[in-house]
Amino acid sequence: MRTPNLADRLSMANAAKKAQLERAKHMAEDPERAQRLKARDEIGAARNRRITEREAARRAAREQEAAELAARQAAEAAAREAERKAREEAQARRLAEQTAREAAEVADRETMLAARRAGRKKKKRKGY
């Protein structure tokens, strides 16, 4: 067997290139390959749609939770405000009642003092 020279190697390389090109052309023109590529693209598109749907569902769930939290916080704030107002009104009522009692006590004392003064004047007039 002889050793291939440069010309032999070049011709073998060109033949290998041509054979590789022919295989590539044949594979590119193969209808089954086109169907496989189409199916692969459809699978990828379906996967991307599912991912997008899941992400949209997660986003909607987060938004729903945020809305529920905001509503719950608003309700709690309204309840605290109503409770504060009720306490203030009760305190104002108690203060008004206390002021009315004190005014009544002052009026009773004034009435008693006036009665005593009137009684003393009578006694002085009679000469006791």
Protein backbone atom coordinates (compact mmCIF):
# COMPACT_ATOMS: atom_id res chain seq x y z
CA MET A 1 0.00 0.00 0.00
CA ARG A 2 1.26 3.35 -0.89
CA THR A 3 1.05 6.55 1.13
CA PRO A 4 -1.42 9.10 -0.28
CA ASN A 5 0.20 12.20 -1.63
CA LEU A 6 -1.21 15.73 -1.46
CA ALA A 7 -3.37 15.41 -4.57
CA ASP A 8 -4.91 12.16 -3.26
CA ARG A 9 -5.65 13.74 0.11
CA LEU A 10 -7.23 16.81 -1.54
CA SER A 11 -9.45 14.68 -3.77
CA MET A 12 -10.52 12.54 -0.79
CA ALA A 13 -11.30 15.66 1.21
CA ASN A 14 -13.33 17.09 -1.70
CA ALA A 15 -15.18 13.78 -2.05
CA ALA A 16 -15.92 13.75 1.69
CA LYS A 17 -17.16 17.35 1.47
CA LYS A 18 -19.43 16.49 -1.46
CA ALA A 19 -20.78 13.44 0.34
CA GLN A 20 -21.42 15.50 3.48
CA LEU A 21 -23.17 18.18 1.38
CA GLU A 22 -25.34 15.54 -0.29
CA ARG A 23 -26.32 14.09 3.10
CA ALA A 24 -27.14 17.59 4.39
CA LYS A 25 -29.23 18.35 1.28
CA HIS A 26 -31.02 15.05 1.63
CA MET A 27 -31.71 15.68 5.34
CA ALA A 28 -32.91 19.24 4.65
CA GLU A 29 -35.31 18.04 1.96
CA ASP A 30 -36.61 15.14 4.07
CA PRO A 31 -40.36 15.70 4.74
CA GLU A 32 -40.23 13.70 7.97
CA ARG A 33 -37.54 16.02 9.31
CA ALA A 34 -39.71 19.03 8.50
CA GLN A 35 -42.60 17.38 10.34
CA ARG A 36 -40.37 16.62 13.32
CA LEU A 37 -39.13 20.23 13.40
CA LYS A 38 -42.70 21.51 13.14
CA ALA A 39 -43.80 19.19 15.95
CA ARG A 40 -40.84 20.32 18.08
CA ASP A 41 -41.77 23.98 17.46
CA GLU A 42 -45.40 23.27 18.40
CA ILE A 43 -44.30 21.53 21.59
CA GLY A 44 -42.11 24.50 22.49
CA ALA A 45 -44.92 26.95 21.75
CA ALA A 46 -47.34 24.91 23.89
CA ARG A 47 -44.79 24.81 26.71
CA ASN A 48 -44.34 28.59 26.49
CA ARG A 49 -48.14 29.07 26.55
CA ARG A 50 -48.44 26.88 29.67
CA ILE A 51 -45.60 28.78 31.36
CA THR A 52 -47.28 32.09 30.49
CA GLU A 53 -50.64 30.84 31.78
CA ARG A 54 -49.10 29.63 35.05
CA GLU A 55 -47.30 32.94 35.51
CA ALA A 56 -50.54 34.85 34.81
CA ALA A 57 -52.36 32.65 37.34
CA ARG A 58 -49.64 33.28 39.92
CA ARG A 59 -49.76 37.00 39.23
CA ALA A 60 -53.58 37.01 39.53
CA ALA A 61 -53.36 35.06 42.80
CA ARG A 62 -50.80 37.53 44.18
CA GLU A 63 -52.99 40.45 43.12
CA GLN A 64 -56.03 38.78 44.72
CA GLU A 65 -54.10 38.21 47.94
CA ALA A 66 -52.90 41.81 47.91
CA ALA A 67 -56.46 43.05 47.37
CA GLU A 68 -57.74 40.84 50.19
CA LEU A 69 -54.97 42.06 52.47
CA ALA A 70 -55.73 45.69 51.61
CA ALA A 71 -59.45 45.12 52.22
CA ARG A 72 -58.73 43.36 55.52
CA GLN A 73 -56.41 46.17 56.61
CA ALA A 74 -58.97 48.79 55.60
CA ALA A 75 -61.68 46.95 57.56
CA GLU A 76 -59.40 46.70 60.59
CA ALA A 77 -58.56 50.39 60.34
CA ALA A 78 -62.26 51.26 60.06
CA ALA A 79 -63.01 49.06 63.07
CA ARG A 80 -60.23 50.71 65.08
CA GLU A 81 -61.51 54.16 64.06
CA ALA A 82 -65.09 53.23 65.03
CA GLU A 83 -63.84 51.86 68.36
CA ARG A 84 -61.84 55.04 68.98
CA LYS A 85 -64.86 57.21 68.17
CA ALA A 86 -67.04 55.08 70.46
CA ARG A 87 -64.49 55.47 73.28
CA GLU A 88 -64.31 59.22 72.72
CA GLU A 89 -68.10 59.51 72.68
CA ALA A 90 -68.38 57.42 75.86
CA GLN A 91 -65.74 59.56 77.51
CA ALA A 92 -67.52 62.74 76.40
CA ARG A 93 -70.82 61.32 77.76
CA ARG A 94 -69.19 60.45 81.08
CA LEU A 95 -67.65 63.92 81.25
CA ALA A 96 -71.02 65.53 80.48
CA GLU A 97 -72.73 63.39 83.14
CA GLN A 98 -70.03 64.24 85.66
CA THR A 99 -70.34 67.94 84.83
CA ALA A 100 -74.13 67.70 85.18
CA ARG A 101 -73.79 65.91 88.57
CA GLU A 102 -71.31 68.49 89.77
CA ALA A 103 -73.61 71.30 88.61
CA ALA A 104 -76.54 69.62 90.39
CA GLU A 105 -74.46 69.24 93.56
CA VAL A 106 -73.44 72.89 93.37
CA ALA A 107 -77.09 73.89 92.85
CA ASP A 108 -78.14 71.71 95.85
CA ARG A 109 -75.46 73.29 98.01
CA GLU A 110 -76.49 76.75 96.90
CA THR A 111 -80.11 75.88 97.67
CA MET A 112 -79.17 74.56 101.11
CA LEU A 113 -77.02 77.60 101.83
CA ALA A 114 -79.79 79.90 100.68
CA ALA A 115 -82.24 78.05 102.92
CA ARG A 116 -79.86 78.34 105.87
CA ARG A 117 -79.35 82.04 105.23
CA ALA A 118 -83.08 82.53 104.99
CA GLY A 119 -83.55 80.57 108.23
CA ARG A 120 -80.97 82.68 110.05
CA LYS A 121 -82.59 85.89 108.91
CA LYS A 122 -85.93 84.69 110.29
CA LYS A 123 -84.32 83.83 113.60
CA LYS A 124 -82.70 87.25 113.82
CA ARG A 125 -85.97 88.97 113.12
CA LYS A 126 -87.77 86.99 115.80
CA GLY A 127 -85.03 87.70 118.19
CA TYR A 128 -83.87 84.31 119.21
